[in-house]
């Protein structure tokens, strides 16, 4: 199967650690639901939300193009609003970004380096 960021897939929880749960998507691919992606709000113990061998529907939120690691989320499939003391509050979701096709690397730093060095030398001379 061709996995893409934003896809909703089904898998089986194969293991649980304190930091998250591993989900088998097919016979060759697995992903990780980080504990912060289980639900909106604080999660004290991931075992309260997930069990080994449980079938789950998850959203793919990141695929690291270097390592092939897949980040999954349960909370993306839930209502993006939570009630906190009778107020509807929008829950922001962190976004990951990895792409080997973008080759900027240190170019932004390199383009500013000469001016930064010049400014630093001027500051030293003034002092």
PDB file of N, CA and C in Angstrom:
ATOM      1  N   UNK A   1       0.840  -1.181   0.000  1.00  0.00           N
ATOM      2  CA  UNK A   1       0.000   0.000   0.000  1.00  0.00           C
ATOM      3  C   UNK A   1       0.884   1.243   0.000  1.00  0.00           C
ATOM      4  N   UNK A   2       0.441   2.266  -0.684  1.00  0.00           N
ATOM      5  CA  UNK A   2       1.176   3.526  -0.755  1.00  0.00           C
ATOM      6  C   UNK A   2       0.650   4.460   0.335  1.00  0.00           C
ATOM      7  N   UNK A   3       1.463   4.737   1.348  1.00  0.00           N
ATOM      8  CA  UNK A   3       1.043   5.566   2.473  1.00  0.00           C
ATOM      9  C   UNK A   3       1.385   7.021   2.209  1.00  0.00           C
ATOM     10  N   UNK A   4       0.463   7.913   2.570  1.00  0.00           N
ATOM     11  CA  UNK A   4       0.653   9.347   2.380  1.00  0.00           C
ATOM     12  C   UNK A   4       0.212  10.085   3.628  1.00  0.00           C
ATOM     13  N   UNK A   5       0.848  11.221   3.896  1.00  0.00           N
ATOM     14  CA  UNK A   5       0.458  12.060   5.019  1.00  0.00           C
ATOM     15  C   UNK A   5      -0.984  12.507   4.809  1.00  0.00           C
ATOM     16  N   UNK A   6      -1.782  12.379   5.866  1.00  0.00           N
ATOM     17  CA  UNK A   6      -3.195  12.745   5.806  1.00  0.00           C
ATOM     18  C   UNK A   6      -4.111  11.562   5.558  1.00  0.00           C
ATOM     19  N   UNK A   7      -3.543  10.420   5.153  1.00  0.00           N
ATOM     20  CA  UNK A   7      -4.361   9.226   4.915  1.00  0.00           C
ATOM     21  C   UNK A   7      -4.875   8.669   6.235  1.00  0.00           C
ATOM     22  N   UNK A   8      -6.080   8.130   6.194  1.00  0.00           N
ATOM     23  CA  UNK A   8      -6.654   7.453   7.356  1.00  0.00           C
ATOM     24  C   UNK A   8      -6.573   5.963   7.067  1.00  0.00           C
ATOM     25  N   UNK A   9      -5.913   5.245   7.958  1.00  0.00           N
ATOM     26  CA  UNK A   9      -5.683   3.813   7.767  1.00  0.00           C
ATOM     27  C   UNK A   9      -6.073   3.061   9.029  1.00  0.00           C
ATOM     28  N   UNK A  10      -6.208   1.760   8.880  1.00  0.00           N
ATOM     29  CA  UNK A  10      -6.508   0.915  10.023  1.00  0.00           C
ATOM     30  C   UNK A  10      -5.329   0.002  10.292  1.00  0.00           C
ATOM     31  N   UNK A  11      -5.076  -0.252  11.563  1.00  0.00           N
ATOM     32  CA  UNK A  11      -3.976  -1.129  11.926  1.00  0.00           C
ATOM     33  C   UNK A  11      -4.235  -1.810  13.254  1.00  0.00           C
ATOM     34  N   UNK A  12      -3.251  -2.590  13.691  1.00  0.00           N
ATOM     35  CA  UNK A  12      -3.366  -3.332  14.947  1.00  0.00           C
ATOM     36  C   UNK A  12      -2.217  -2.938  15.866  1.00  0.00           C
ATOM     37  N   UNK A  13      -2.539  -2.616  17.107  1.00  0.00           N
ATOM     38  CA  UNK A  13      -1.526  -2.262  18.101  1.00  0.00           C
ATOM     39  C   UNK A  13      -0.712  -3.512  18.403  1.00  0.00           C
ATOM     40  N   UNK A  14       0.602  -3.409  18.166  1.00  0.00           N
ATOM     41  CA  UNK A  14       1.477  -4.572  18.375  1.00  0.00           C
ATOM     42  C   UNK A  14       2.326  -4.454  19.630  1.00  0.00           C
ATOM     43  N   UNK A  15       2.463  -3.251  20.148  1.00  0.00           N
ATOM     44  CA  UNK A  15       3.256  -3.066  21.350  1.00  0.00           C
ATOM     45  C   UNK A  15       3.014  -1.689  21.938  1.00  0.00           C
ATOM     46  N   UNK A  16       3.172  -1.603  23.261  1.00  0.00           N
ATOM     47  CA  UNK A  16       2.949  -0.334  23.953  1.00  0.00           C
ATOM     48  C   UNK A  16       4.141  -0.041  24.856  1.00  0.00           C
ATOM     49  N   UNK A  17       4.638   1.165  24.730  1.00  0.00           N
ATOM     50  CA  UNK A  17       5.711   1.667  25.592  1.00  0.00           C
ATOM     51  C   UNK A  17       5.169   2.895  26.328  1.00  0.00           C
ATOM     52  N   UNK A  18       5.925   3.421  27.266  1.00  0.00           N
ATOM     53  CA  UNK A  18       5.470   4.599  28.006  1.00  0.00           C
ATOM     54  C   UNK A  18       5.325   5.813  27.111  1.00  0.00           C
ATOM     55  N   UNK A  19       6.067   5.875  26.013  1.00  0.00           N
ATOM     56  CA  UNK A  19       6.053   7.033  25.129  1.00  0.00           C
ATOM     57  C   UNK A  19       5.073   6.898  23.968  1.00  0.00           C
ATOM     58  N   UNK A  20       4.519   5.709  23.725  1.00  0.00           N
ATOM     59  CA  UNK A  20       3.595   5.546  22.616  1.00  0.00           C
ATOM     60  C   UNK A  20       3.305   4.090  22.295  1.00  0.00           C
ATOM     61  N   UNK A  21       2.520   3.907  21.228  1.00  0.00           N
ATOM     62  CA  UNK A  21       2.114   2.562  20.833  1.00  0.00           C
ATOM     63  C   UNK A  21       2.529   2.303  19.387  1.00  0.00           C
ATOM     64  N   UNK A  22       3.026   1.100  19.148  1.00  0.00           N
ATOM     65  CA  UNK A  22       3.399   0.687  17.803  1.00  0.00           C
ATOM     66  C   UNK A  22       2.197   0.017  17.145  1.00  0.00           C
ATOM     67  N   UNK A  23       1.949   0.419  15.891  1.00  0.00           N
ATOM     68  CA  UNK A  23       0.785  -0.083  15.163  1.00  0.00           C
ATOM     69  C   UNK A  23       1.255  -0.714  13.855  1.00  0.00           C
ATOM     70  N   UNK A  24       0.869  -1.971  13.646  1.00  0.00           N
ATOM     71  CA  UNK A  24       1.172  -2.655  12.391  1.00  0.00           C
ATOM     72  C   UNK A  24       0.126  -2.242  11.372  1.00  0.00           C
ATOM     73  N   UNK A  25       0.576  -1.638  10.263  1.00  0.00           N
ATOM     74  CA  UNK A  25      -0.335  -1.194   9.218  1.00  0.00           C
ATOM     75  C   UNK A  25      -0.553  -2.292   8.177  1.00  0.00           C
ATOM     76  N   UNK A  26       0.479  -3.056   7.912  1.00  0.00           N
ATOM     77  CA  UNK A  26       0.396  -4.235   7.051  1.00  0.00           C
ATOM     78  C   UNK A  26       1.568  -5.134   7.433  1.00  0.00           C
ATOM     79  N   UNK A  27       1.828  -6.153   6.631  1.00  0.00           N
ATOM     80  CA  UNK A  27       2.876  -7.106   7.003  1.00  0.00           C
ATOM     81  C   UNK A  27       4.282  -6.522   6.938  1.00  0.00           C
ATOM     82  N   UNK A  28       4.464  -5.348   6.269  1.00  0.00           N
ATOM     83  CA  UNK A  28       5.789  -4.762   6.117  1.00  0.00           C
ATOM     84  C   UNK A  28       5.961  -3.408   6.803  1.00  0.00           C
ATOM     85  N   UNK A  29       4.875  -2.740   7.121  1.00  0.00           N
ATOM     86  CA  UNK A  29       4.973  -1.379   7.645  1.00  0.00           C
ATOM     87  C   UNK A  29       4.316  -1.263   9.020  1.00  0.00           C
ATOM     88  N   UNK A  30       4.968  -0.465   9.850  1.00  0.00           N
ATOM     89  CA  UNK A  30       4.365  -0.135  11.135  1.00  0.00           C
ATOM     90  C   UNK A  30       4.633   1.330  11.423  1.00  0.00           C
ATOM     91  N   UNK A  31       3.848   1.876  12.309  1.00  0.00           N
ATOM     92  CA  UNK A  31       3.998   3.267  12.696  1.00  0.00           C
ATOM     93  C   UNK A  31       3.894   3.407  14.199  1.00  0.00           C
ATOM     94  N   UNK A  32       4.088   4.632  14.669  1.00  0.00           N
ATOM     95  CA  UNK A  32       4.048   4.911  16.100  1.00  0.00           C
ATOM     96  C   UNK A  32       3.007   5.983  16.392  1.00  0.00           C
ATOM     97  N   UNK A  33       2.155   5.712  17.357  1.00  0.00           N
ATOM     98  CA  UNK A  33       1.260   6.731  17.906  1.00  0.00           C
ATOM     99  C   UNK A  33       1.959   7.249  19.145  1.00  0.00           C
ATOM    100  N   UNK A  34       2.484   8.468  19.089  1.00  0.00           N
ATOM    101  CA  UNK A  34       3.114   9.058  20.264  1.00  0.00           C
ATOM    102  C   UNK A  34       2.032   9.282  21.316  1.00  0.00           C
ATOM    103  N   UNK A  35       2.398   9.219  22.576  1.00  0.00           N
ATOM    104  CA  UNK A  35       1.422   9.368  23.655  1.00  0.00           C
ATOM    105  C   UNK A  35       0.634  10.673  23.536  1.00  0.00           C
ATOM    106  N   UNK A  36       1.264  11.718  23.014  1.00  0.00           N
ATOM    107  CA  UNK A  36       0.577  13.007  22.861  1.00  0.00           C
ATOM    108  C   UNK A  36      -0.450  12.981  21.728  1.00  0.00           C
ATOM    109  N   UNK A  37      -0.425  11.941  20.895  1.00  0.00           N
ATOM    110  CA  UNK A  37      -1.361  11.825  19.777  1.00  0.00           C
ATOM    111  C   UNK A  37      -2.507  10.862  20.068  1.00  0.00           C
ATOM    112  N   UNK A  38      -2.626  10.407  21.320  1.00  0.00           N
ATOM    113  CA  UNK A  38      -3.728   9.501  21.682  1.00  0.00           C
ATOM    114  C   UNK A  38      -5.050  10.235  21.785  1.00  0.00           C
ATOM    115  N   UNK A  39      -5.025  11.398  22.381  1.00  0.00           N
ATOM    116  CA  UNK A  39      -6.236  12.182  22.586  1.00  0.00           C
ATOM    117  C   UNK A  39      -5.856  13.618  22.862  1.00  0.00           C
ATOM    118  N   UNK A  40      -6.840  14.511  22.781  1.00  0.00           N
ATOM    119  CA  UNK A  40      -6.604  15.903  23.146  1.00  0.00           C
ATOM    120  C   UNK A  40      -6.443  15.968  24.657  1.00  0.00           C
ATOM    121  N   UNK A  41      -5.496  16.758  25.114  1.00  0.00           N
ATOM    122  CA  UNK A  41      -5.270  16.896  26.547  1.00  0.00           C
ATOM    123  C   UNK A  41      -4.189  15.962  27.043  1.00  0.00           C
ATOM    124  N   UNK A  42      -4.008  15.964  28.339  1.00  0.00           N
ATOM    125  CA  UNK A  42      -2.942  15.203  28.988  1.00  0.00           C
ATOM    126  C   UNK A  42      -3.279  13.721  29.061  1.00  0.00           C
ATOM    127  N   UNK A  43      -2.315  12.876  28.770  1.00  0.00           N
ATOM    128  CA  UNK A  43      -2.459  11.424  28.879  1.00  0.00           C
ATOM    129  C   UNK A  43      -1.447  10.945  29.913  1.00  0.00           C
ATOM    130  N   UNK A  44      -1.951  10.546  31.056  1.00  0.00           N
ATOM    131  CA  UNK A  44      -1.068  10.092  32.134  1.00  0.00           C
ATOM    132  C   UNK A  44      -0.533   8.682  31.858  1.00  0.00           C
ATOM    133  N   UNK A  45      -1.394   7.822  31.327  1.00  0.00           N
ATOM    134  CA  UNK A  45      -1.001   6.437  31.077  1.00  0.00           C
ATOM    135  C   UNK A  45      -1.636   5.973  29.773  1.00  0.00           C
ATOM    136  N   UNK A  46      -0.813   5.663  28.803  1.00  0.00           N
ATOM    137  CA  UNK A  46      -1.303   5.257  27.486  1.00  0.00           C
ATOM    138  C   UNK A  46      -2.120   3.968  27.550  1.00  0.00           C
ATOM    139  N   UNK A  47      -1.874   3.148  28.581  1.00  0.00           N
ATOM    140  CA  UNK A  47      -2.605   1.889  28.736  1.00  0.00           C
ATOM    141  C   UNK A  47      -4.097   2.111  28.992  1.00  0.00           C
ATOM    142  N   UNK A  48      -4.476   3.326  29.403  1.00  0.00           N
ATOM    143  CA  UNK A  48      -5.895   3.632  29.613  1.00  0.00           C
ATOM    144  C   UNK A  48      -6.628   3.819  28.287  1.00  0.00           C
ATOM    145  N   UNK A  49      -5.903   3.994  27.198  1.00  0.00           N
ATOM    146  CA  UNK A  49      -6.509   4.288  25.902  1.00  0.00           C
ATOM    147  C   UNK A  49      -6.279   3.209  24.859  1.00  0.00           C
ATOM    148  N   UNK A  50      -5.185   2.479  24.988  1.00  0.00           N
ATOM    149  CA  UNK A  50      -4.838   1.474  23.981  1.00  0.00           C
ATOM    150  C   UNK A  50      -4.429   0.165  24.632  1.00  0.00           C
ATOM    151  N   UNK A  51      -4.738  -0.930  23.946  1.00  0.00           N
ATOM    152  CA  UNK A  51      -4.362  -2.268  24.410  1.00  0.00           C
ATOM    153  C   UNK A  51      -3.672  -2.993  23.258  1.00  0.00           C
ATOM    154  N   UNK A  52      -2.781  -3.896  23.573  1.00  0.00           N
ATOM    155  CA  UNK A  52      -2.131  -4.720  22.562  1.00  0.00           C
ATOM    156  C   UNK A  52      -3.186  -5.559  21.831  1.00  0.00           C
ATOM    157  N   UNK A  53      -3.024  -5.695  20.526  1.00  0.00           N
ATOM    158  CA  UNK A  53      -3.925  -6.414  19.609  1.00  0.00           C
ATOM    159  C   UNK A  53      -5.219  -5.667  19.300  1.00  0.00           C
ATOM    160  N   UNK A  54      -5.364  -4.453  19.815  1.00  0.00           N
ATOM    161  CA  UNK A  54      -6.544  -3.648  19.525  1.00  0.00           C
ATOM    162  C   UNK A  54      -6.463  -3.122  18.091  1.00  0.00           C
ATOM    163  N   UNK A  55      -7.576  -3.163  17.362  1.00  0.00           N
ATOM    164  CA  UNK A  55      -7.653  -2.578  16.020  1.00  0.00           C
ATOM    165  C   UNK A  55      -7.958  -1.092  16.191  1.00  0.00           C
ATOM    166  N   UNK A  56      -7.204  -0.246  15.472  1.00  0.00           N
ATOM    167  CA  UNK A  56      -7.391   1.201  15.579  1.00  0.00           C
ATOM    168  C   UNK A  56      -7.419   1.833  14.192  1.00  0.00           C
ATOM    169  N   UNK A  57      -8.195   2.892  14.080  1.00  0.00           N
ATOM    170  CA  UNK A  57      -8.197   3.715  12.877  1.00  0.00           C
ATOM    171  C   UNK A  57      -7.381   4.954  13.224  1.00  0.00           C
ATOM    172  N   UNK A  58      -6.365   5.259  12.412  1.00  0.00           N
ATOM    173  CA  UNK A  58      -5.439   6.353  12.698  1.00  0.00           C
ATOM    174  C   UNK A  58      -5.196   7.193  11.450  1.00  0.00           C
ATOM    175  N   UNK A  59      -4.683   8.398  11.666  1.00  0.00           N
ATOM    176  CA  UNK A  59      -4.285   9.251  10.558  1.00  0.00           C
ATOM    177  C   UNK A  59      -2.771   9.307  10.509  1.00  0.00           C
ATOM    178  N   UNK A  60      -2.213   9.251   9.305  1.00  0.00           N
ATOM    179  CA  UNK A  60      -0.769   9.399   9.123  1.00  0.00           C
ATOM    180  C   UNK A  60      -0.457  10.892   9.160  1.00  0.00           C
ATOM    181  N   UNK A  61       0.356  11.312  10.138  1.00  0.00           N
ATOM    182  CA  UNK A  61       0.673  12.740  10.268  1.00  0.00           C
ATOM    183  C   UNK A  61       2.082  13.068   9.803  1.00  0.00           C
ATOM    184  N   UNK A  62       2.933  12.069   9.649  1.00  0.00           N
ATOM    185  CA  UNK A  62       4.275  12.324   9.135  1.00  0.00           C
ATOM    186  C   UNK A  62       4.885  11.028   8.646  1.00  0.00           C
ATOM    187  N   UNK A  63       5.669  11.142   7.584  1.00  0.00           N
ATOM    188  CA  UNK A  63       6.480  10.029   7.093  1.00  0.00           C
ATOM    189  C   UNK A  63       7.874  10.587   6.885  1.00  0.00           C
ATOM    190  N   UNK A  64       8.818  10.116   7.659  1.00  0.00           N
ATOM    191  CA  UNK A  64      10.193  10.571   7.524  1.00  0.00           C
ATOM    192  C   UNK A  64      10.775   9.945   6.267  1.00  0.00           C
ATOM    193  N   UNK A  65      11.081  10.772   5.286  1.00  0.00           N
ATOM    194  CA  UNK A  65      11.541  10.254   4.003  1.00  0.00           C
ATOM    195  C   UNK A  65      12.946   9.658   4.079  1.00  0.00           C
ATOM    196  N   UNK A  66      13.704   9.982   5.118  1.00  0.00           N
ATOM    197  CA  UNK A  66      15.040   9.404   5.274  1.00  0.00           C
ATOM    198  C   UNK A  66      14.967   7.999   5.846  1.00  0.00           C
ATOM    199  N   UNK A  67      14.155   7.836   6.902  1.00  0.00           N
ATOM    200  CA  UNK A  67      14.119   6.561   7.609  1.00  0.00           C
ATOM    201  C   UNK A  67      12.887   5.726   7.287  1.00  0.00           C
ATOM    202  N   UNK A  68      11.859   6.354   6.715  1.00  0.00           N
ATOM    203  CA  UNK A  68      10.618   5.644   6.429  1.00  0.00           C
ATOM    204  C   UNK A  68       9.717   5.496   7.628  1.00  0.00           C
ATOM    205  N   UNK A  69      10.075   6.108   8.763  1.00  0.00           N
ATOM    206  CA  UNK A  69       9.253   6.001   9.972  1.00  0.00           C
ATOM    207  C   UNK A  69       7.945   6.761   9.770  1.00  0.00           C
ATOM    208  N   UNK A  70       6.855   6.149  10.236  1.00  0.00           N
ATOM    209  CA  UNK A  70       5.527   6.729  10.079  1.00  0.00           C
ATOM    210  C   UNK A  70       5.002   7.150  11.446  1.00  0.00           C
ATOM    211  N   UNK A  71       4.579   8.408  11.551  1.00  0.00           N
ATOM    212  CA  UNK A  71       3.960   8.921  12.769  1.00  0.00           C
ATOM    213  C   UNK A  71       2.451   8.907  12.585  1.00  0.00           C
ATOM    214  N   UNK A  72       1.758   8.388  13.588  1.00  0.00           N
ATOM    215  CA  UNK A  72       0.308   8.218  13.514  1.00  0.00           C
ATOM    216  C   UNK A  72      -0.390   9.020  14.600  1.00  0.00           C
ATOM    217  N   UNK A  73      -1.679   9.292  14.384  1.00  0.00           N
ATOM    218  CA  UNK A  73      -2.448  10.048  15.367  1.00  0.00           C
ATOM    219  C   UNK A  73      -3.864   9.511  15.472  1.00  0.00           C
ATOM    220  N   UNK A  74      -4.319   9.351  16.712  1.00  0.00           N
ATOM    221  CA  UNK A  74      -5.721   9.067  16.993  1.00  0.00           C
ATOM    222  C   UNK A  74      -6.482  10.372  17.179  1.00  0.00           C
ATOM    223  N   UNK A  75      -5.839  11.343  17.793  1.00  0.00           N
ATOM    224  CA  UNK A  75      -6.534  12.579  18.141  1.00  0.00           C
ATOM    225  C   UNK A  75      -6.913  13.408  16.921  1.00  0.00           C
ATOM    226  N   UNK A  76      -6.254  13.221  15.796  1.00  0.00           N
ATOM    227  CA  UNK A  76      -6.632  13.930  14.575  1.00  0.00           C
ATOM    228  C   UNK A  76      -8.008  13.503  14.084  1.00  0.00           C
ATOM    229  N   UNK A  77      -8.438  12.330  14.480  1.00  0.00           N
ATOM    230  CA  UNK A  77      -9.738  11.833  14.057  1.00  0.00           C
ATOM    231  C   UNK A  77     -10.842  12.217  15.029  1.00  0.00           C
ATOM    232  N   UNK A  78     -10.471  12.833  16.126  1.00  0.00           N
ATOM    233  CA  UNK A  78     -11.442  13.273  17.137  1.00  0.00           C
ATOM    234  C   UNK A  78     -11.813  14.723  16.876  1.00  0.00           C
ATOM    235  N   UNK A  79     -12.829  15.180  17.563  1.00  0.00           N
ATOM    236  CA  UNK A  79     -13.241  16.576  17.473  1.00  0.00           C
ATOM    237  C   UNK A  79     -12.061  17.457  17.862  1.00  0.00           C
ATOM    238  N   UNK A  80     -11.772  18.469  17.055  1.00  0.00           N
ATOM    239  CA  UNK A  80     -10.625  19.343  17.299  1.00  0.00           C
ATOM    240  C   UNK A  80     -10.899  20.355  18.404  1.00  0.00           C
ATOM    241  N   UNK A  81     -12.091  20.314  18.983  1.00  0.00           N
ATOM    242  CA  UNK A  81     -12.429  21.220  20.067  1.00  0.00           C
ATOM    243  C   UNK A  81     -12.659  20.408  21.333  1.00  0.00           C
ATOM    244  N   UNK A  82     -12.225  20.946  22.449  1.00  0.00           N
ATOM    245  CA  UNK A  82     -12.489  20.309  23.735  1.00  0.00           C
ATOM    246  C   UNK A  82     -13.132  21.324  24.654  1.00  0.00           C
ATOM    247  N   UNK A  83     -13.943  20.834  25.570  1.00  0.00           N
ATOM    248  CA  UNK A  83     -14.563  21.725  26.547  1.00  0.00           C
ATOM    249  C   UNK A  83     -13.683  21.813  27.774  1.00  0.00           C
ATOM    250  N   UNK A  84     -13.246  23.024  28.079  1.00  0.00           N
ATOM    251  CA  UNK A  84     -12.476  23.272  29.290  1.00  0.00           C
ATOM    252  C   UNK A  84     -13.252  24.308  30.076  1.00  0.00           C
ATOM    253  N   UNK A  85     -13.850  23.882  31.198  1.00  0.00           N
ATOM    254  CA  UNK A  85     -14.679  24.773  32.026  1.00  0.00           C
ATOM    255  C   UNK A  85     -15.757  25.450  31.184  1.00  0.00           C
ATOM    256  N   UNK A  86     -16.488  24.641  30.413  1.00  0.00           N
ATOM    257  CA  UNK A  86     -17.617  25.095  29.589  1.00  0.00           C
ATOM    258  C   UNK A  86     -17.234  26.056  28.478  1.00  0.00           C
ATOM    259  N   UNK A  87     -15.973  26.103  28.082  1.00  0.00           N
ATOM    260  CA  UNK A  87     -15.559  26.918  26.941  1.00  0.00           C
ATOM    261  C   UNK A  87     -15.016  25.986  25.873  1.00  0.00           C
ATOM    262  N   UNK A  88     -15.434  26.213  24.629  1.00  0.00           N
ATOM    263  CA  UNK A  88     -14.901  25.414  23.519  1.00  0.00           C
ATOM    264  C   UNK A  88     -13.563  26.015  23.112  1.00  0.00           C
ATOM    265  N   UNK A  89     -12.532  25.238  23.220  1.00  0.00           N
ATOM    266  CA  UNK A  89     -11.178  25.695  22.932  1.00  0.00           C
ATOM    267  C   UNK A  89     -10.635  24.870  21.780  1.00  0.00           C
ATOM    268  N   UNK A  90     -10.088  25.551  20.780  1.00  0.00           N
ATOM    269  CA  UNK A  90      -9.500  24.858  19.628  1.00  0.00           C
ATOM    270  C   UNK A  90      -8.174  24.245  20.047  1.00  0.00           C
ATOM    271  N   UNK A  91      -8.007  22.960  19.773  1.00  0.00           N
ATOM    272  CA  UNK A  91      -6.750  22.280  20.076  1.00  0.00           C
ATOM    273  C   UNK A  91      -5.852  22.358  18.861  1.00  0.00           C
ATOM    274  N   UNK A  92      -4.692  22.908  19.026  1.00  0.00           N
ATOM    275  CA  UNK A  92      -3.728  22.970  17.930  1.00  0.00           C
ATOM    276  C   UNK A  92      -3.000  21.657  17.826  1.00  0.00           C
ATOM    277  N   UNK A  93      -2.654  21.310  16.627  1.00  0.00           N
ATOM    278  CA  UNK A  93      -1.933  20.062  16.379  1.00  0.00           C
ATOM    279  C   UNK A  93      -0.542  20.394  15.872  1.00  0.00           C
ATOM    280  N   UNK A  94       0.444  19.743  16.415  1.00  0.00           N
ATOM    281  CA  UNK A  94       1.796  19.983  15.922  1.00  0.00           C
ATOM    282  C   UNK A  94       1.959  19.337  14.564  1.00  0.00           C
ATOM    283  N   UNK A  95       2.729  19.962  13.715  1.00  0.00           N
ATOM    284  CA  UNK A  95       2.952  19.431  12.387  1.00  0.00           C
ATOM    285  C   UNK A  95       4.433  19.137  12.209  1.00  0.00           C
ATOM    286  N   UNK A  96       4.703  18.031  11.585  1.00  0.00           N
ATOM    287  CA  UNK A  96       6.064  17.641  11.290  1.00  0.00           C
ATOM    288  C   UNK A  96       6.351  18.002   9.834  1.00  0.00           C
ATOM    289  N   UNK A  97       7.635  18.151   9.513  1.00  0.00           N
ATOM    290  CA  UNK A  97       7.985  18.428   8.129  1.00  0.00           C
ATOM    291  C   UNK A  97       9.348  17.844   7.847  1.00  0.00           C
ATOM    292  N   UNK A  98       9.364  16.876   6.981  1.00  0.00           N
ATOM    293  CA  UNK A  98      10.632  16.296   6.535  1.00  0.00           C
ATOM    294  C   UNK A  98      10.511  16.037   5.047  1.00  0.00           C
ATOM    295  N   UNK A  99      11.558  16.393   4.317  1.00  0.00           N
ATOM    296  CA  UNK A  99      11.524  16.181   2.883  1.00  0.00           C
ATOM    297  C   UNK A  99      12.960  16.197   2.353  1.00  0.00           C
ATOM    298  N   UNK A 100      13.386  15.099   1.798  1.00  0.00           N
ATOM    299  CA  UNK A 100      14.757  15.028   1.289  1.00  0.00           C
ATOM    300  C   UNK A 100      14.929  15.797  -0.014  1.00  0.00           C
ATOM    301  N   UNK A 101      13.823  16.200  -0.644  1.00  0.00           N
ATOM    302  CA  UNK A 101      13.906  16.906  -1.918  1.00  0.00           C
ATOM    303  C   UNK A 101      14.284  18.375  -1.738  1.00  0.00           C
ATOM    304  N   UNK A 102      14.101  18.900  -0.551  1.00  0.00           N
ATOM    305  CA  UNK A 102      14.473  20.287  -0.285  1.00  0.00           C
ATOM    306  C   UNK A 102      15.918  20.288   0.173  1.00  0.00           C
ATOM    307  N   UNK A 103      16.772  20.963  -0.577  1.00  0.00           N
ATOM    308  CA  UNK A 103      18.202  20.923  -0.297  1.00  0.00           C
ATOM    309  C   UNK A 103      18.737  22.264   0.168  1.00  0.00           C
ATOM    310  N   UNK A 104      17.971  22.994   0.975  1.00  0.00           N
ATOM    311  CA  UNK A 104      18.431  24.284   1.462  1.00  0.00           C
ATOM    312  C   UNK A 104      19.595  24.123   2.431  1.00  0.00           C
ATOM    313  N   UNK A 105      19.493  23.150   3.302  1.00  0.00           N
ATOM    314  CA  UNK A 105      20.559  22.904   4.265  1.00  0.00           C
ATOM    315  C   UNK A 105      20.953  24.160   5.017  1.00  0.00           C
ATOM    316  N   UNK A 106      22.233  24.538   4.931  1.00  0.00           N
ATOM    317  CA  UNK A 106      22.737  25.706   5.643  1.00  0.00           C
ATOM    318  C   UNK A 106      22.770  26.952   4.760  1.00  0.00           C
ATOM    319  N   UNK A 107      22.153  26.909   3.597  1.00  0.00           N
ATOM    320  CA  UNK A 107      22.167  28.063   2.693  1.00  0.00           C
ATOM    321  C   UNK A 107      21.610  29.335   3.335  1.00  0.00           C
ATOM    322  N   UNK A 108      20.498  29.267   4.088  1.00  0.00           N
ATOM    323  CA  UNK A 108      20.026  30.504   4.722  1.00  0.00           C
ATOM    324  C   UNK A 108      21.050  31.105   5.689  1.00  0.00           C
ATOM    325  N   UNK A 109      21.768  30.272   6.413  1.00  0.00           N
ATOM    326  CA  UNK A 109      22.800  30.763   7.323  1.00  0.00           C
ATOM    327  C   UNK A 109      23.957  31.334   6.511  1.00  0.00           C
ATOM    328  N   UNK A 110      24.355  30.613   5.475  1.00  0.00           N
ATOM    329  CA  UNK A 110      25.467  31.052   4.637  1.00  0.00           C
ATOM    330  C   UNK A 110      25.188  32.416   4.002  1.00  0.00           C
ATOM    331  N   UNK A 111      23.959  32.630   3.602  1.00  0.00           N
ATOM    332  CA  UNK A 111      23.631  33.899   2.938  1.00  0.00           C
ATOM    333  C   UNK A 111      23.688  35.086   3.898  1.00  0.00           C
ATOM    334  N   UNK A 112      23.544  34.872   5.189  1.00  0.00           N
ATOM    335  CA  UNK A 112      23.583  35.950   6.175  1.00  0.00           C
ATOM    336  C   UNK A 112      24.901  36.039   6.931  1.00  0.00           C
ATOM    337  N   UNK A 113      25.737  35.032   6.795  1.00  0.00           N
ATOM    338  CA  UNK A 113      26.951  34.927   7.603  1.00  0.00           C
ATOM    339  C   UNK A 113      27.864  36.145   7.477  1.00  0.00           C
ATOM    340  N   UNK A 114      28.137  36.605   6.258  1.00  0.00           N
ATOM    341  CA  UNK A 114      29.044  37.740   6.083  1.00  0.00           C
ATOM    342  C   UNK A 114      28.532  38.992   6.795  1.00  0.00           C
ATOM    343  N   UNK A 115      27.237  39.264   6.713  1.00  0.00           N
ATOM    344  CA  UNK A 115      26.705  40.448   7.390  1.00  0.00           C
ATOM    345  C   UNK A 115      26.766  40.285   8.907  1.00  0.00           C
ATOM    346  N   UNK A 116      26.534  39.067   9.408  1.00  0.00           N
ATOM    347  CA  UNK A 116      26.618  38.842  10.853  1.00  0.00           C
ATOM    348  C   UNK A 116      28.050  39.036  11.348  1.00  0.00           C
ATOM    349  N   UNK A 117      29.015  38.519  10.612  1.00  0.00           N
ATOM    350  CA  UNK A 117      30.421  38.683  10.992  1.00  0.00           C
ATOM    351  C   UNK A 117      30.791  40.164  10.947  1.00  0.00           C
ATOM    352  N   UNK A 118      30.360  40.858   9.903  1.00  0.00           N
ATOM    353  CA  UNK A 118      30.634  42.296   9.797  1.00  0.00           C
ATOM    354  C   UNK A 118      30.036  43.070  10.953  1.00  0.00           C
ATOM    355  N   UNK A 119      28.817  42.785  11.327  1.00  0.00           N
ATOM    356  CA  UNK A 119      28.173  43.458  12.454  1.00  0.00           C
ATOM    357  C   UNK A 119      28.907  43.168  13.767  1.00  0.00           C
ATOM    358  N   UNK A 120      29.320  41.908  13.931  1.00  0.00           N
ATOM    359  CA  UNK A 120      30.030  41.549  15.150  1.00  0.00           C
ATOM    360  C   UNK A 120      31.370  42.268  15.243  1.00  0.00           C
ATOM    361  N   UNK A 121      32.104  42.377  14.117  1.00  0.00           N
ATOM    362  CA  UNK A 121      33.379  43.082  14.114  1.00  0.00           C
ATOM    363  C   UNK A 121      33.191  44.572  14.403  1.00  0.00           C
ATOM    364  N   UNK A 122      32.140  45.175  13.866  1.00  0.00           N
ATOM    365  CA  UNK A 122      31.844  46.574  14.163  1.00  0.00           C
ATOM    366  C   UNK A 122      31.551  46.774  15.647  1.00  0.00           C
ATOM    367  N   UNK A 123      30.798  45.837  16.238  1.00  0.00           N
ATOM    368  CA  UNK A 123      30.494  45.928  17.665  1.00  0.00           C
ATOM    369  C   UNK A 123      31.772  45.841  18.502  1.00  0.00           C
ATOM    370  N   UNK A 124      32.679  44.940  18.095  1.00  0.00           N
ATOM    371  CA  UNK A 124      33.949  44.785  18.826  1.00  0.00           C
ATOM    372  C   UNK A 124      34.778  46.055  18.723  1.00  0.00           C
ATOM    373  N   UNK A 125      34.835  46.653  17.534  1.00  0.00           N
ATOM    374  CA  UNK A 125      35.618  47.874  17.341  1.00  0.00           C
ATOM    375  C   UNK A 125      35.052  49.037  18.161  1.00  0.00           C
ATOM    376  N   UNK A 126      33.724  49.100  18.267  1.00  0.00           N
ATOM    377  CA  UNK A 126      33.091  50.172  19.060  1.00  0.00           C
ATOM    378  C   UNK A 126      33.413  50.041  20.544  1.00  0.00           C
ATOM    379  N   UNK A 127      33.568  48.843  20.998  1.00  0.00           N
ATOM    380  CA  UNK A 127      33.818  48.608  22.422  1.00  0.00           C
ATOM    381  C   UNK A 127      35.288  48.805  22.685  1.00  0.00           C
TER     382      UNK A 127
END
